[in-house]
Amino acid sequence: MIRTYLLTCLLMAAFTAPVAAATEYYVAQDAATKKCSIVTKKPDGKKMMDVGMMMYKTKADAEKAMKGSAGCK
């Protein structure tokens, strides 16, 4: 019985974790070209630099922040 509950919880966690991770957006600037873009993974700080040090829940919020950022103009 406990085994069934444990298996159910593991399966639920496995399918909900990727969905939650895909809802994070970052404004990043390419270190070489200085061009800004919106990415779903946190910038590494070497090739892509984080602009504003924030995570956004929607792509629209990230786009608004990118347009308002002084580093992305």
N, C-alpha and C. Protein backbone atom coordinates (compact mmCIF):
# COMPACT_ATOMS: atom_id res chain seq x y z
N MET A 1 0.82 -1.18 0.00
CA MET A 1 0.00 0.00 0.00
C MET A 1 0.87 1.27 0.00
N ILE A 2 1.86 1.30 0.89
CA ILE A 2 2.76 2.45 0.95
C ILE A 2 3.54 2.55 -0.36
N ARG A 3 3.87 1.42 -0.91
CA ARG A 3 4.62 1.39 -2.16
C ARG A 3 3.82 2.05 -3.29
N THR A 4 2.53 1.82 -3.32
CA THR A 4 1.66 2.41 -4.33
C THR A 4 1.61 3.93 -4.18
N TYR A 5 1.48 4.41 -2.95
CA TYR A 5 1.45 5.85 -2.70
C TYR A 5 2.78 6.50 -3.08
N LEU A 6 3.86 5.84 -2.74
CA LEU A 6 5.18 6.37 -3.06
C LEU A 6 5.37 6.45 -4.57
N LEU A 7 4.98 5.41 -5.29
CA LEU A 7 5.10 5.40 -6.74
C LEU A 7 4.23 6.49 -7.37
N THR A 8 3.04 6.67 -6.83
CA THR A 8 2.14 7.71 -7.33
C THR A 8 2.75 9.10 -7.12
N CYS A 9 3.30 9.35 -5.96
CA CYS A 9 3.93 10.64 -5.68
C CYS A 9 5.13 10.90 -6.58
N LEU A 10 5.93 9.89 -6.81
CA LEU A 10 7.09 10.05 -7.69
C LEU A 10 6.68 10.36 -9.12
N LEU A 11 5.65 9.68 -9.60
CA LEU A 11 5.17 9.94 -10.95
C LEU A 11 4.59 11.35 -11.08
N MET A 12 3.86 11.78 -10.08
CA MET A 12 3.31 13.14 -10.11
C MET A 12 4.42 14.18 -10.12
N ALA A 13 5.44 13.98 -9.32
CA ALA A 13 6.56 14.91 -9.26
C ALA A 13 7.33 14.91 -10.58
N ALA A 14 7.46 13.77 -11.20
CA ALA A 14 8.21 13.68 -12.46
C ALA A 14 7.52 14.43 -13.59
N PHE A 15 6.19 14.44 -13.58
CA PHE A 15 5.47 15.11 -14.66
C PHE A 15 5.20 16.58 -14.39
N THR A 16 5.19 17.01 -13.16
CA THR A 16 4.93 18.42 -12.87
C THR A 16 6.20 19.25 -12.80
N ALA A 17 7.33 18.67 -12.52
CA ALA A 17 8.59 19.43 -12.42
C ALA A 17 8.98 20.09 -13.75
N PRO A 18 8.93 19.41 -14.89
CA PRO A 18 9.28 20.09 -16.14
C PRO A 18 8.33 21.23 -16.50
N VAL A 19 7.08 21.12 -16.15
CA VAL A 19 6.11 22.18 -16.43
C VAL A 19 6.43 23.41 -15.61
N ALA A 20 6.77 23.23 -14.36
CA ALA A 20 7.10 24.36 -13.50
C ALA A 20 8.39 25.03 -13.95
N ALA A 21 9.34 24.27 -14.40
CA ALA A 21 10.62 24.83 -14.83
C ALA A 21 10.49 25.63 -16.12
N ALA A 22 9.56 25.28 -16.97
CA ALA A 22 9.40 25.96 -18.25
C ALA A 22 8.74 27.32 -18.11
N THR A 23 8.24 27.66 -16.94
CA THR A 23 7.55 28.92 -16.77
C THR A 23 8.45 30.02 -16.23
N GLU A 24 9.74 29.81 -16.22
CA GLU A 24 10.68 30.83 -15.75
C GLU A 24 11.38 31.44 -16.96
N TYR A 25 11.38 32.76 -17.02
CA TYR A 25 12.02 33.46 -18.12
C TYR A 25 13.05 34.44 -17.57
N TYR A 26 14.15 34.59 -18.28
CA TYR A 26 15.22 35.50 -17.91
C TYR A 26 15.56 36.39 -19.09
N VAL A 27 15.96 37.62 -18.81
CA VAL A 27 16.47 38.51 -19.85
C VAL A 27 17.99 38.37 -19.81
N ALA A 28 18.56 37.95 -20.93
CA ALA A 28 20.00 37.69 -21.00
C ALA A 28 20.62 38.49 -22.14
N GLN A 29 21.88 38.83 -21.95
CA GLN A 29 22.62 39.58 -22.96
C GLN A 29 23.84 38.75 -23.38
N ASP A 30 23.99 38.56 -24.67
CA ASP A 30 25.14 37.83 -25.20
C ASP A 30 26.39 38.64 -24.92
N ALA A 31 27.40 38.02 -24.34
CA ALA A 31 28.63 38.73 -23.95
C ALA A 31 29.41 39.25 -25.16
N ALA A 32 29.35 38.54 -26.28
CA ALA A 32 30.11 38.93 -27.46
C ALA A 32 29.40 40.00 -28.29
N THR A 33 28.12 39.80 -28.57
CA THR A 33 27.40 40.71 -29.46
C THR A 33 26.63 41.80 -28.72
N LYS A 34 26.46 41.65 -27.41
CA LYS A 34 25.70 42.58 -26.56
C LYS A 34 24.22 42.63 -26.94
N LYS A 35 23.73 41.61 -27.65
CA LYS A 35 22.33 41.53 -28.04
C LYS A 35 21.54 40.84 -26.93
N CYS A 36 20.39 41.40 -26.57
CA CYS A 36 19.55 40.83 -25.52
C CYS A 36 18.53 39.87 -26.09
N SER A 37 18.17 38.87 -25.29
CA SER A 37 17.15 37.91 -25.68
C SER A 37 16.51 37.36 -24.42
N ILE A 38 15.39 36.68 -24.61
CA ILE A 38 14.68 36.06 -23.50
C ILE A 38 14.97 34.57 -23.55
N VAL A 39 15.43 34.03 -22.43
CA VAL A 39 15.79 32.62 -22.34
C VAL A 39 15.03 31.96 -21.20
N THR A 40 14.93 30.63 -21.26
CA THR A 40 14.22 29.89 -20.22
C THR A 40 15.15 29.27 -19.19
N LYS A 41 16.45 29.35 -19.44
CA LYS A 41 17.44 28.86 -18.47
C LYS A 41 18.22 30.04 -17.93
N LYS A 42 18.58 29.96 -16.67
CA LYS A 42 19.36 31.04 -16.05
C LYS A 42 20.68 31.20 -16.77
N PRO A 43 21.03 32.42 -17.18
CA PRO A 43 22.30 32.66 -17.88
C PRO A 43 23.50 32.23 -17.03
N ASP A 44 24.54 31.71 -17.69
CA ASP A 44 25.70 31.17 -16.99
C ASP A 44 26.68 32.22 -16.51
N GLY A 45 26.61 33.43 -17.04
CA GLY A 45 27.51 34.50 -16.61
C GLY A 45 28.77 34.60 -17.44
N LYS A 46 28.98 33.68 -18.37
CA LYS A 46 30.15 33.71 -19.24
C LYS A 46 29.77 34.07 -20.66
N LYS A 47 28.96 33.24 -21.30
CA LYS A 47 28.51 33.53 -22.66
C LYS A 47 27.28 34.42 -22.67
N MET A 48 26.41 34.18 -21.71
CA MET A 48 25.19 34.99 -21.58
C MET A 48 25.19 35.63 -20.20
N MET A 49 24.96 36.93 -20.15
CA MET A 49 24.94 37.67 -18.89
C MET A 49 23.49 37.97 -18.51
N ASP A 50 23.18 37.86 -17.23
CA ASP A 50 21.84 38.13 -16.73
C ASP A 50 21.64 39.64 -16.65
N VAL A 51 20.56 40.12 -17.25
CA VAL A 51 20.23 41.54 -17.21
C VAL A 51 19.16 41.74 -16.15
N GLY A 52 19.46 42.44 -15.10
CA GLY A 52 18.48 42.73 -14.07
C GLY A 52 18.43 41.73 -12.94
N MET A 53 19.06 40.58 -13.06
CA MET A 53 19.12 39.58 -11.99
C MET A 53 17.74 39.13 -11.51
N MET A 54 16.77 39.06 -12.42
CA MET A 54 15.41 38.66 -12.03
C MET A 54 14.91 37.52 -12.88
N MET A 55 13.96 36.79 -12.33
CA MET A 55 13.25 35.74 -13.05
C MET A 55 11.82 36.23 -13.25
N TYR A 56 11.27 35.97 -14.43
CA TYR A 56 9.92 36.42 -14.74
C TYR A 56 9.02 35.21 -14.96
N LYS A 57 7.77 35.30 -14.52
CA LYS A 57 6.85 34.18 -14.64
C LYS A 57 6.24 34.08 -16.03
N THR A 58 6.12 35.20 -16.73
CA THR A 58 5.56 35.16 -18.08
C THR A 58 6.54 35.76 -19.07
N LYS A 59 6.41 35.34 -20.31
CA LYS A 59 7.28 35.87 -21.36
C LYS A 59 6.98 37.34 -21.61
N ALA A 60 5.72 37.73 -21.45
CA ALA A 60 5.33 39.13 -21.64
C ALA A 60 6.03 40.03 -20.61
N ASP A 61 6.12 39.58 -19.37
CA ASP A 61 6.83 40.36 -18.34
C ASP A 61 8.31 40.49 -18.68
N ALA A 62 8.90 39.43 -19.18
CA ALA A 62 10.31 39.46 -19.55
C ALA A 62 10.54 40.39 -20.73
N GLU A 63 9.62 40.38 -21.70
CA GLU A 63 9.75 41.29 -22.85
C GLU A 63 9.63 42.74 -22.41
N LYS A 64 8.72 43.01 -21.49
CA LYS A 64 8.55 44.37 -20.98
C LYS A 64 9.81 44.83 -20.25
N ALA A 65 10.40 43.95 -19.48
CA ALA A 65 11.63 44.29 -18.75
C ALA A 65 12.78 44.49 -19.72
N MET A 66 12.84 43.69 -20.78
CA MET A 66 13.91 43.84 -21.76
C MET A 66 13.81 45.18 -22.49
N LYS A 67 12.60 45.59 -22.84
CA LYS A 67 12.41 46.88 -23.51
C LYS A 67 12.74 48.05 -22.60
N GLY A 68 12.51 47.89 -21.29
CA GLY A 68 12.78 48.97 -20.35
C GLY A 68 14.19 48.99 -19.80
N SER A 69 15.00 47.98 -20.12
CA SER A 69 16.36 47.89 -19.59
C SER A 69 17.31 48.81 -20.36
N ALA A 70 18.16 49.50 -19.62
CA ALA A 70 19.13 50.38 -20.25
C ALA A 70 20.22 49.60 -20.99
N GLY A 71 20.52 48.41 -20.52
CA GLY A 71 21.57 47.59 -21.13
C GLY A 71 21.15 46.94 -22.44
N CYS A 72 19.87 46.95 -22.74
CA CYS A 72 19.37 46.27 -23.94
C CYS A 72 18.94 47.23 -25.04
N LYS A 73 19.30 48.46 -24.96
CA LYS A 73 18.88 49.42 -26.00
C LYS A 73 19.95 49.64 -27.02
